Amino acid sequence: MTEVPEVELNTGSMMPMVGFGTWDLREKTTSSVANALDLGYTHIDAAEGYLNEDQVGKALKGYDREDLFITSKVLPGNLNYGSVVDACNRSLDKLGTPYLDLYLIHWPNLAISLRETLHAFKKLYDLGKVRNVGVSNFSIYELKIARRISETPISVNQVQFHPWYHDEELLSYCKEQGIQLTAAAPFARTAVFDDPLIVELAKKYDKTPAQIVLRWSLQKGVVTVPRSSSREHIEENLQIFDFQLEDSEIKKIDEIPREQGCDYEISLDDEVFGIPS
């Protein structure tokens, strides 16, 4: 079984650098998460907006809770104080766990006070229902505001991050402030697999394009949460610790012109509400 390296969050908690994403797994959610756990994943990335937390919970039964790192996210429409608390309790019930290792604001919502949302997060933290708090899809400006008003450390920002779309300024800011960046949709829904440079590097290292992309993320200090319903691919996504890209190759991937890629971006609908693109 593969041992996944961990990164220390600004609270002292240890977070596995590779997790298993659960977006859009639909009827294969339980079997896919079970395969991931069986193959050595201990970090599971869930969200109420994925509409499958109960299925994720079924797969988690029988595993030692203290060996797992479980993340969930609250929908942007549930960011007022009472709704945050209720949403977290629903997620805990569906996932079958007394606490979350990480709870994220899935998307910012300008119609609801961020101070109110983060106050609810502090309450959940104090109750022991949440061990770390964070955000998702936050810009540098939004992170600065969150850090200023949050009563608990902002530990993670989960954003779209892959070779065709990576905000280096945001990554640098997060590193400077001790916030761990996590890559959502690290494969751009598999679109990057056909990129000529990624294909070339895959041949050089006798790896799959997916493994090249995940290795690139890790070497940039970014946690990544790939997802697949194929046991073979789930296993392959963990086989990325036996090689290392050269610095020059990391730079080349960084410099892939955007026009060589695609106009792929995560939208509020597909990422939060589980609508496939």
C-alpha atoms as a PDB file:
ATOM      1  CA  MET A   1       0.000   0.000   0.000  1.00  0.00           C
ATOM      2  CA  THR A   2       1.344   3.420  -0.998  1.00  0.00           C
ATOM      3  CA  GLU A   3       2.310   5.782   1.814  1.00  0.00           C
ATOM      4  CA  VAL A   4       1.186   9.309   0.937  1.00  0.00           C
ATOM      5  CA  PRO A   5       3.341  12.219   2.183  1.00  0.00           C
ATOM      6  CA  GLU A   6       1.657  14.820   4.353  1.00  0.00           C
ATOM      7  CA  VAL A   7       1.906  18.575   4.749  1.00  0.00           C
ATOM      8  CA  GLU A   8       1.522  20.388   8.063  1.00  0.00           C
ATOM      9  CA  LEU A   9      -1.278  22.961   8.118  1.00  0.00           C
ATOM     10  CA  ASN A  10      -1.004  26.220  10.046  1.00  0.00           C
ATOM     11  CA  THR A  11      -2.913  24.609  12.926  1.00  0.00           C
ATOM     12  CA  GLY A  12      -0.448  21.748  13.262  1.00  0.00           C
ATOM     13  CA  SER A  13      -2.784  19.222  11.640  1.00  0.00           C
ATOM     14  CA  MET A  14      -1.267  16.916   9.028  1.00  0.00           C
ATOM     15  CA  MET A  15      -2.967  16.784   5.620  1.00  0.00           C
ATOM     16  CA  PRO A  16      -2.170  14.079   3.012  1.00  0.00           C
ATOM     17  CA  MET A  17      -0.795  15.660  -0.162  1.00  0.00           C
ATOM     18  CA  VAL A  18      -2.984  13.480  -2.382  1.00  0.00           C
ATOM     19  CA  GLY A  19      -6.658  12.984  -1.653  1.00  0.00           C
ATOM     20  CA  PHE A  20      -9.577  11.386  -3.419  1.00  0.00           C
ATOM     21  CA  GLY A  21     -12.172  13.688  -4.949  1.00  0.00           C
ATOM     22  CA  THR A  22     -15.832  12.662  -4.971  1.00  0.00           C
ATOM     23  CA  TRP A  23     -17.430  15.125  -7.412  1.00  0.00           C
ATOM     24  CA  ASP A  24     -19.783  13.631 -10.040  1.00  0.00           C
ATOM     25  CA  LEU A  25     -19.185   9.979  -9.149  1.00  0.00           C
ATOM     26  CA  ARG A  26     -22.954   9.458  -9.014  1.00  0.00           C
ATOM     27  CA  GLU A  27     -23.987   5.825  -8.512  1.00  0.00           C
ATOM     28  CA  LYS A  28     -20.307   4.797  -8.394  1.00  0.00           C
ATOM     29  CA  THR A  29     -19.535   6.967  -5.372  1.00  0.00           C
ATOM     30  CA  THR A  30     -19.520   4.244  -2.704  1.00  0.00           C
ATOM     31  CA  SER A  31     -17.536   1.714  -4.732  1.00  0.00           C
ATOM     32  CA  SER A  32     -15.034   4.334  -5.923  1.00  0.00           C
ATOM     33  CA  VAL A  33     -14.367   5.679  -2.424  1.00  0.00           C
ATOM     34  CA  ALA A  34     -14.094   2.114  -1.120  1.00  0.00           C
ATOM     35  CA  ASN A  35     -11.507   1.347  -3.814  1.00  0.00           C
ATOM     36  CA  ALA A  36      -9.577   4.487  -2.932  1.00  0.00           C
ATOM     37  CA  LEU A  37      -9.494   3.603   0.762  1.00  0.00           C
ATOM     38  CA  ASP A  38      -8.474   0.037  -0.044  1.00  0.00           C
ATOM     39  CA  LEU A  39      -5.594   1.290  -2.215  1.00  0.00           C
ATOM     40  CA  GLY A  40      -4.174   3.609   0.438  1.00  0.00           C
ATOM     41  CA  TYR A  41      -5.960   6.946   0.192  1.00  0.00           C
ATOM     42  CA  THR A  42      -6.750   8.418   3.591  1.00  0.00           C
ATOM     43  CA  HIS A  43      -7.802  11.922   2.470  1.00  0.00           C
ATOM     44  CA  ILE A  44     -11.373  12.111   1.138  1.00  0.00           C
ATOM     45  CA  ASP A  45     -12.674  15.360  -0.380  1.00  0.00           C
ATOM     46  CA  ALA A  46     -16.463  15.719  -0.180  1.00  0.00           C
ATOM     47  CA  ALA A  47     -19.047  18.517  -0.357  1.00  0.00           C
ATOM     48  CA  GLU A  48     -22.730  18.952   0.326  1.00  0.00           C
ATOM     49  CA  GLY A  49     -23.105  20.285  -3.213  1.00  0.00           C
ATOM     50  CA  TYR A  50     -21.886  16.983  -4.679  1.00  0.00           C
ATOM     51  CA  LEU A  51     -25.122  15.413  -3.429  1.00  0.00           C
ATOM     52  CA  ASN A  52     -23.445  12.122  -2.463  1.00  0.00           C
ATOM     53  CA  GLU A  53     -22.154  12.519   1.102  1.00  0.00           C
ATOM     54  CA  ASP A  54     -24.395   9.687   2.274  1.00  0.00           C
ATOM     55  CA  GLN A  55     -22.798   7.396  -0.311  1.00  0.00           C
ATOM     56  CA  VAL A  56     -19.322   8.524   0.756  1.00  0.00           C
ATOM     57  CA  GLY A  57     -20.330   7.758   4.338  1.00  0.00           C
ATOM     58  CA  LYS A  58     -21.220   4.176   3.436  1.00  0.00           C
ATOM     59  CA  ALA A  59     -17.696   3.631   2.116  1.00  0.00           C
ATOM     60  CA  LEU A  60     -16.115   5.129   5.248  1.00  0.00           C
ATOM     61  CA  LYS A  61     -17.779   2.618   7.585  1.00  0.00           C
ATOM     62  CA  GLY A  62     -15.372   0.127   9.071  1.00  0.00           C
ATOM     63  CA  TYR A  63     -12.307   2.365   8.814  1.00  0.00           C
ATOM     64  CA  ASP A  64     -10.550   3.886  11.821  1.00  0.00           C
ATOM     65  CA  ARG A  65     -11.702   7.515  11.843  1.00  0.00           C
ATOM     66  CA  GLU A  66      -8.426   8.774  13.275  1.00  0.00           C
ATOM     67  CA  ASP A  67      -6.588   7.378  10.243  1.00  0.00           C
ATOM     68  CA  LEU A  68      -8.643   9.490   7.848  1.00  0.00           C
ATOM     69  CA  PHE A  69      -8.638  13.135   6.766  1.00  0.00           C
ATOM     70  CA  ILE A  70     -12.154  14.103   5.687  1.00  0.00           C
ATOM     71  CA  THR A  71     -13.020  17.398   4.017  1.00  0.00           C
ATOM     72  CA  SER A  72     -16.457  18.773   3.218  1.00  0.00           C
ATOM     73  CA  LYS A  73     -17.768  22.100   1.942  1.00  0.00           C
ATOM     74  CA  VAL A  74     -20.797  24.281   2.579  1.00  0.00           C
ATOM     75  CA  LEU A  75     -22.830  25.647  -0.335  1.00  0.00           C
ATOM     76  CA  PRO A  76     -22.782  29.412  -1.006  1.00  0.00           C
ATOM     77  CA  GLY A  77     -26.502  29.603  -0.301  1.00  0.00           C
ATOM     78  CA  ASN A  78     -25.990  28.245   3.223  1.00  0.00           C
ATOM     79  CA  LEU A  79     -23.484  30.771   4.534  1.00  0.00           C
ATOM     80  CA  ASN A  80     -25.568  32.579   7.147  1.00  0.00           C
ATOM     81  CA  TYR A  81     -24.834  31.532  10.721  1.00  0.00           C
ATOM     82  CA  GLY A  82     -27.672  29.096  11.331  1.00  0.00           C
ATOM     83  CA  SER A  83     -27.477  27.550   7.882  1.00  0.00           C
ATOM     84  CA  VAL A  84     -23.734  26.891   8.244  1.00  0.00           C
ATOM     85  CA  VAL A  85     -24.270  25.051  11.515  1.00  0.00           C
ATOM     86  CA  ASP A  86     -27.189  23.068  10.100  1.00  0.00           C
ATOM     87  CA  ALA A  87     -25.296  22.237   6.892  1.00  0.00           C
ATOM     88  CA  CYS A  88     -22.286  20.998   8.844  1.00  0.00           C
ATOM     89  CA  ASN A  89     -24.476  18.811  11.052  1.00  0.00           C
ATOM     90  CA  ARG A  90     -26.140  17.329   7.971  1.00  0.00           C
ATOM     91  CA  SER A  91     -22.749  16.588   6.429  1.00  0.00           C
ATOM     92  CA  LEU A  92     -21.515  14.956   9.619  1.00  0.00           C
ATOM     93  CA  ASP A  93     -24.630  12.801   9.788  1.00  0.00           C
ATOM     94  CA  LYS A  94     -24.399  11.707   6.140  1.00  0.00           C
ATOM     95  CA  LEU A  95     -20.665  11.049   6.312  1.00  0.00           C
ATOM     96  CA  GLY A  96     -21.073   9.166   9.581  1.00  0.00           C
ATOM     97  CA  THR A  97     -18.372  11.058  11.434  1.00  0.00           C
ATOM     98  CA  PRO A  98     -18.404  13.156  14.623  1.00  0.00           C
ATOM     99  CA  TYR A  99     -16.034  15.734  13.135  1.00  0.00           C
ATOM    100  CA  LEU A 100     -14.507  17.015   9.909  1.00  0.00           C
ATOM    101  CA  ASP A 101     -10.771  17.464   9.536  1.00  0.00           C
ATOM    102  CA  LEU A 102     -11.440  20.385   7.207  1.00  0.00           C
ATOM    103  CA  TYR A 103     -14.557  22.438   6.444  1.00  0.00           C
ATOM    104  CA  LEU A 104     -14.546  24.854   3.515  1.00  0.00           C
ATOM    105  CA  ILE A 105     -16.687  27.693   2.224  1.00  0.00           C
ATOM    106  CA  HIS A 106     -17.242  26.239  -1.257  1.00  0.00           C
ATOM    107  CA  TRP A 107     -17.693  29.599  -2.987  1.00  0.00           C
ATOM    108  CA  PRO A 108     -17.846  33.180  -1.679  1.00  0.00           C
ATOM    109  CA  ASN A 109     -21.288  34.767  -1.503  1.00  0.00           C
ATOM    110  CA  LEU A 110     -21.330  38.571  -1.497  1.00  0.00           C
ATOM    111  CA  ALA A 111     -24.965  38.594  -0.343  1.00  0.00           C
ATOM    112  CA  ILE A 112     -24.033  37.100   3.049  1.00  0.00           C
ATOM    113  CA  SER A 113     -21.594  38.582   5.568  1.00  0.00           C
ATOM    114  CA  LEU A 114     -18.301  36.680   5.542  1.00  0.00           C
ATOM    115  CA  ARG A 115     -17.878  37.655   9.183  1.00  0.00           C
ATOM    116  CA  GLU A 116     -21.150  35.878  10.013  1.00  0.00           C
ATOM    117  CA  THR A 117     -20.062  32.768   8.104  1.00  0.00           C
ATOM    118  CA  LEU A 118     -16.667  32.610   9.770  1.00  0.00           C
ATOM    119  CA  HIS A 119     -18.246  33.192  13.181  1.00  0.00           C
ATOM    120  CA  ALA A 120     -20.290  30.043  12.581  1.00  0.00           C
ATOM    121  CA  PHE A 121     -17.101  28.222  11.557  1.00  0.00           C
ATOM    122  CA  LYS A 122     -15.513  29.302  14.848  1.00  0.00           C
ATOM    123  CA  LYS A 123     -18.500  27.885  16.729  1.00  0.00           C
ATOM    124  CA  LEU A 124     -18.135  24.550  14.936  1.00  0.00           C
ATOM    125  CA  TYR A 125     -14.392  24.615  15.655  1.00  0.00           C
ATOM    126  CA  ASP A 126     -14.980  25.278  19.352  1.00  0.00           C
ATOM    127  CA  LEU A 127     -17.492  22.422  19.501  1.00  0.00           C
ATOM    128  CA  GLY A 128     -14.928  20.050  18.019  1.00  0.00           C
ATOM    129  CA  LYS A 129     -17.034  19.389  14.933  1.00  0.00           C
ATOM    130  CA  VAL A 130     -14.433  20.974  12.663  1.00  0.00           C
ATOM    131  CA  ARG A 131     -10.674  20.711  13.223  1.00  0.00           C
ATOM    132  CA  ASN A 132      -9.578  23.098  10.459  1.00  0.00           C
ATOM    133  CA  VAL A 133     -11.399  25.769   8.492  1.00  0.00           C
ATOM    134  CA  GLY A 134     -10.751  27.033   5.013  1.00  0.00           C
ATOM    135  CA  VAL A 135     -12.192  28.411   1.812  1.00  0.00           C
ATOM    136  CA  SER A 136     -12.541  27.466  -1.832  1.00  0.00           C
ATOM    137  CA  ASN A 137     -12.434  29.593  -4.968  1.00  0.00           C
ATOM    138  CA  PHE A 138     -11.213  32.658  -3.033  1.00  0.00           C
ATOM    139  CA  SER A 139      -9.055  35.313  -4.677  1.00  0.00           C
ATOM    140  CA  ILE A 140      -6.137  37.001  -2.924  1.00  0.00           C
ATOM    141  CA  TYR A 141      -8.394  39.940  -2.060  1.00  0.00           C
ATOM    142  CA  GLU A 142     -11.049  37.648  -0.576  1.00  0.00           C
ATOM    143  CA  LEU A 143      -8.397  35.714   1.342  1.00  0.00           C
ATOM    144  CA  LYS A 144      -7.040  38.914   2.846  1.00  0.00           C
ATOM    145  CA  ILE A 145     -10.494  39.815   4.129  1.00  0.00           C
ATOM    146  CA  ALA A 146     -11.086  36.296   5.466  1.00  0.00           C
ATOM    147  CA  ARG A 147      -7.754  36.256   7.290  1.00  0.00           C
ATOM    148  CA  ARG A 148      -8.464  39.656   8.833  1.00  0.00           C
ATOM    149  CA  ILE A 149     -11.839  38.734  10.297  1.00  0.00           C
ATOM    150  CA  SER A 150     -11.576  34.997  10.979  1.00  0.00           C
ATOM    151  CA  GLU A 151     -11.198  33.956  14.610  1.00  0.00           C
ATOM    152  CA  THR A 152      -9.534  30.716  13.515  1.00  0.00           C
ATOM    153  CA  PRO A 153      -6.666  30.287  11.041  1.00  0.00           C
ATOM    154  CA  ILE A 154      -7.623  29.968   7.378  1.00  0.00           C
ATOM    155  CA  SER A 155      -5.779  26.738   6.661  1.00  0.00           C
ATOM    156  CA  VAL A 156      -6.666  25.915   3.043  1.00  0.00           C
ATOM    157  CA  ASN A 157      -7.812  27.525  -0.195  1.00  0.00           C
ATOM    158  CA  GLN A 158      -9.073  24.993  -2.765  1.00  0.00           C
ATOM    159  CA  VAL A 159      -9.095  26.408  -6.275  1.00  0.00           C
ATOM    160  CA  GLN A 160      -8.972  25.409  -9.914  1.00  0.00           C
ATOM    161  CA  PHE A 161      -5.323  24.528 -10.548  1.00  0.00           C
ATOM    162  CA  HIS A 162      -3.888  22.555 -13.458  1.00  0.00           C
ATOM    163  CA  PRO A 163      -1.285  23.109 -16.226  1.00  0.00           C
ATOM    164  CA  TRP A 164      -3.692  25.189 -18.304  1.00  0.00           C
ATOM    165  CA  TYR A 165      -4.948  27.315 -15.426  1.00  0.00           C
ATOM    166  CA  HIS A 166      -2.762  28.119 -12.431  1.00  0.00           C
ATOM    167  CA  ASP A 167      -2.629  31.412 -10.599  1.00  0.00           C
ATOM    168  CA  GLU A 168       1.012  31.722  -9.540  1.00  0.00           C
ATOM    169  CA  GLU A 169       0.379  34.976  -7.694  1.00  0.00           C
ATOM    170  CA  LEU A 170      -2.290  33.283  -5.599  1.00  0.00           C
ATOM    171  CA  LEU A 171      -0.003  30.308  -4.948  1.00  0.00           C
ATOM    172  CA  SER A 172       2.793  32.620  -3.795  1.00  0.00           C
ATOM    173  CA  TYR A 173       0.444  34.543  -1.508  1.00  0.00           C
ATOM    174  CA  CYS A 174      -0.839  31.341   0.073  1.00  0.00           C
ATOM    175  CA  LYS A 175       2.697  30.102   0.690  1.00  0.00           C
ATOM    176  CA  GLU A 176       3.692  33.440   2.248  1.00  0.00           C
ATOM    177  CA  GLN A 177       0.683  33.355   4.578  1.00  0.00           C
ATOM    178  CA  GLY A 178       0.899  29.691   5.541  1.00  0.00           C
ATOM    179  CA  ILE A 179      -2.281  28.747   3.674  1.00  0.00           C
ATOM    180  CA  GLN A 180      -2.240  25.412   1.869  1.00  0.00           C
ATOM    181  CA  LEU A 181      -3.406  25.584  -1.746  1.00  0.00           C
ATOM    182  CA  THR A 182      -5.371  22.556  -2.959  1.00  0.00           C
ATOM    183  CA  ALA A 183      -5.953  21.784  -6.636  1.00  0.00           C
ATOM    184  CA  ALA A 184      -9.572  21.289  -7.606  1.00  0.00           C
ATOM    185  CA  ALA A 185     -10.129  19.566 -10.970  1.00  0.00           C
ATOM    186  CA  PRO A 186      -6.375  18.882 -11.365  1.00  0.00           C
ATOM    187  CA  PHE A 187      -6.896  17.318 -14.807  1.00  0.00           C
ATOM    188  CA  ALA A 188      -9.272  19.961 -16.224  1.00  0.00           C
ATOM    189  CA  ARG A 189     -11.758  17.121 -16.674  1.00  0.00           C
ATOM    190  CA  THR A 190      -8.994  15.115 -18.469  1.00  0.00           C
ATOM    191  CA  ALA A 191      -8.532  17.822 -21.133  1.00  0.00           C
ATOM    192  CA  VAL A 192      -4.829  18.322 -20.301  1.00  0.00           C
ATOM    193  CA  PHE A 193      -4.028  14.672 -21.055  1.00  0.00           C
ATOM    194  CA  ASP A 194      -3.669  15.521 -24.749  1.00  0.00           C
ATOM    195  CA  ASP A 195      -1.302  18.431 -24.223  1.00  0.00           C
ATOM    196  CA  PRO A 196       1.843  17.735 -26.318  1.00  0.00           C
ATOM    197  CA  LEU A 197       4.278  18.563 -23.519  1.00  0.00           C
ATOM    198  CA  ILE A 198       2.421  16.416 -20.986  1.00  0.00           C
ATOM    199  CA  VAL A 199       2.325  13.525 -23.465  1.00  0.00           C
ATOM    200  CA  GLU A 200       6.052  13.936 -24.169  1.00  0.00           C
ATOM    201  CA  LEU A 201       6.947  13.850 -20.467  1.00  0.00           C
ATOM    202  CA  ALA A 202       4.688  10.851 -19.894  1.00  0.00           C
ATOM    203  CA  LYS A 203       6.653   8.929 -22.520  1.00  0.00           C
ATOM    204  CA  LYS A 204       9.989  10.022 -21.070  1.00  0.00           C
ATOM    205  CA  TYR A 205       9.154   8.844 -17.549  1.00  0.00           C
ATOM    206  CA  ASP A 206       7.022   5.863 -18.609  1.00  0.00           C
ATOM    207  CA  LYS A 207       4.087   7.382 -16.723  1.00  0.00           C
ATOM    208  CA  THR A 208       0.571   8.375 -17.653  1.00  0.00           C
ATOM    209  CA  PRO A 209      -0.305  12.005 -18.440  1.00  0.00           C
ATOM    210  CA  ALA A 210      -2.327  12.042 -15.215  1.00  0.00           C
ATOM    211  CA  GLN A 211       0.735  11.046 -13.198  1.00  0.00           C
ATOM    212  CA  ILE A 212       2.796  13.805 -14.812  1.00  0.00           C
ATOM    213  CA  VAL A 213       0.168  16.414 -13.954  1.00  0.00           C
ATOM    214  CA  LEU A 214      -0.150  15.222 -10.358  1.00  0.00           C
ATOM    215  CA  ARG A 215       3.644  15.168  -9.927  1.00  0.00           C
ATOM    216  CA  TRP A 216       3.810  18.742 -11.261  1.00  0.00           C
ATOM    217  CA  SER A 217       1.261  19.840  -8.657  1.00  0.00           C
ATOM    218  CA  LEU A 218       3.077  18.130  -5.806  1.00  0.00           C
ATOM    219  CA  GLN A 219       6.434  19.630  -6.732  1.00  0.00           C
ATOM    220  CA  LYS A 220       4.817  23.050  -6.678  1.00  0.00           C
ATOM    221  CA  GLY A 221       3.683  22.368  -3.094  1.00  0.00           C
ATOM    222  CA  VAL A 222       0.029  21.999  -4.022  1.00  0.00           C
ATOM    223  CA  VAL A 223      -2.220  19.342  -2.488  1.00  0.00           C
ATOM    224  CA  THR A 224      -4.272  17.573  -5.149  1.00  0.00           C
ATOM    225  CA  VAL A 225      -7.563  15.659  -5.036  1.00  0.00           C
ATOM    226  CA  PRO A 226      -8.023  13.685  -8.292  1.00  0.00           C
ATOM    227  CA  ARG A 227     -11.102  11.555  -8.746  1.00  0.00           C
ATOM    228  CA  SER A 228     -11.929   8.560 -10.902  1.00  0.00           C
ATOM    229  CA  SER A 229     -14.429   5.716 -10.913  1.00  0.00           C
ATOM    230  CA  SER A 230     -11.834   3.329 -12.387  1.00  0.00           C
ATOM    231  CA  ARG A 231      -9.918   1.283  -9.811  1.00  0.00           C
ATOM    232  CA  GLU A 232      -6.956   1.155 -12.218  1.00  0.00           C
ATOM    233  CA  HIS A 233      -6.811   4.934 -12.516  1.00  0.00           C
ATOM    234  CA  ILE A 234      -7.393   5.428  -8.794  1.00  0.00           C
ATOM    235  CA  GLU A 235      -4.343   3.247  -8.149  1.00  0.00           C
ATOM    236  CA  GLU A 236      -2.249   4.942 -10.848  1.00  0.00           C
ATOM    237  CA  ASN A 237      -2.941   8.354  -9.317  1.00  0.00           C
ATOM    238  CA  LEU A 238      -1.049   7.268  -6.200  1.00  0.00           C
ATOM    239  CA  GLN A 239       1.961   5.947  -8.109  1.00  0.00           C
ATOM    240  CA  ILE A 240       3.649   9.327  -8.365  1.00  0.00           C
ATOM    241  CA  PHE A 241       6.216   9.193  -5.590  1.00  0.00           C
ATOM    242  CA  ASP A 242       8.880   7.136  -7.390  1.00  0.00           C
ATOM    243  CA  PHE A 243      10.006   9.837  -9.831  1.00  0.00           C
ATOM    244  CA  GLN A 244      10.629  13.560  -9.946  1.00  0.00           C
ATOM    245  CA  LEU A 245      10.309  16.095 -12.739  1.00  0.00           C
ATOM    246  CA  GLU A 246      13.322  18.274 -13.447  1.00  0.00           C
ATOM    247  CA  ASP A 247      13.080  21.951 -12.523  1.00  0.00           C
ATOM    248  CA  SER A 248      13.298  22.848 -16.197  1.00  0.00           C
ATOM    249  CA  GLU A 249      10.336  20.576 -16.931  1.00  0.00           C
ATOM    250  CA  ILE A 250       8.272  22.162 -14.180  1.00  0.00           C
ATOM    251  CA  LYS A 251       9.069  25.529 -15.760  1.00  0.00           C
ATOM    252  CA  LYS A 252       8.061  24.314 -19.213  1.00  0.00           C
ATOM    253  CA  ILE A 253       4.698  23.104 -17.895  1.00  0.00           C
ATOM    254  CA  ASP A 254       4.245  26.415 -16.102  1.00  0.00           C
ATOM    255  CA  GLU A 255       4.824  28.213 -19.378  1.00  0.00           C
ATOM    256  CA  ILE A 256       2.359  26.285 -21.551  1.00  0.00           C
ATOM    257  CA  PRO A 257       0.544  29.057 -23.438  1.00  0.00           C
ATOM    258  CA  ARG A 258      -3.079  29.294 -22.414  1.00  0.00           C
ATOM    259  CA  GLU A 259      -4.152  29.305 -26.062  1.00  0.00           C
ATOM    260  CA  GLN A 260      -2.566  25.851 -26.438  1.00  0.00           C
ATOM    261  CA  GLY A 261      -5.027  24.577 -23.923  1.00  0.00           C
ATOM    262  CA  CYS A 262      -8.703  25.282 -23.809  1.00  0.00           C
ATOM    263  CA  ASP A 263     -11.202  27.669 -22.316  1.00  0.00           C
ATOM    264  CA  TYR A 264     -12.005  25.159 -19.571  1.00  0.00           C
ATOM    265  CA  GLU A 265     -12.962  26.774 -16.303  1.00  0.00           C
ATOM    266  CA  ILE A 266     -14.949  25.591 -13.305  1.00  0.00           C
ATOM    267  CA  SER A 267     -18.348  27.219 -13.187  1.00  0.00           C
ATOM    268  CA  LEU A 268     -20.507  27.705 -10.122  1.00  0.00           C
ATOM    269  CA  ASP A 269     -23.097  25.314 -11.506  1.00  0.00           C
ATOM    270  CA  ASP A 270     -20.912  22.360 -12.441  1.00  0.00           C
ATOM    271  CA  GLU A 271     -18.540  22.435  -9.476  1.00  0.00           C
ATOM    272  CA  VAL A 272     -20.897  23.307  -6.648  1.00  0.00           C
ATOM    273  CA  PHE A 273     -24.136  21.720  -7.693  1.00  0.00           C
ATOM    274  CA  GLY A 274     -22.721  18.590  -9.300  1.00  0.00           C
ATOM    275  CA  ILE A 275     -23.848  19.346 -12.844  1.00  0.00           C
ATOM    276  CA  PRO A 276     -21.427  17.700 -15.309  1.00  0.00           C
ATOM    277  CA  SER A 277     -19.775  19.871 -17.919  1.00  0.00           C
END
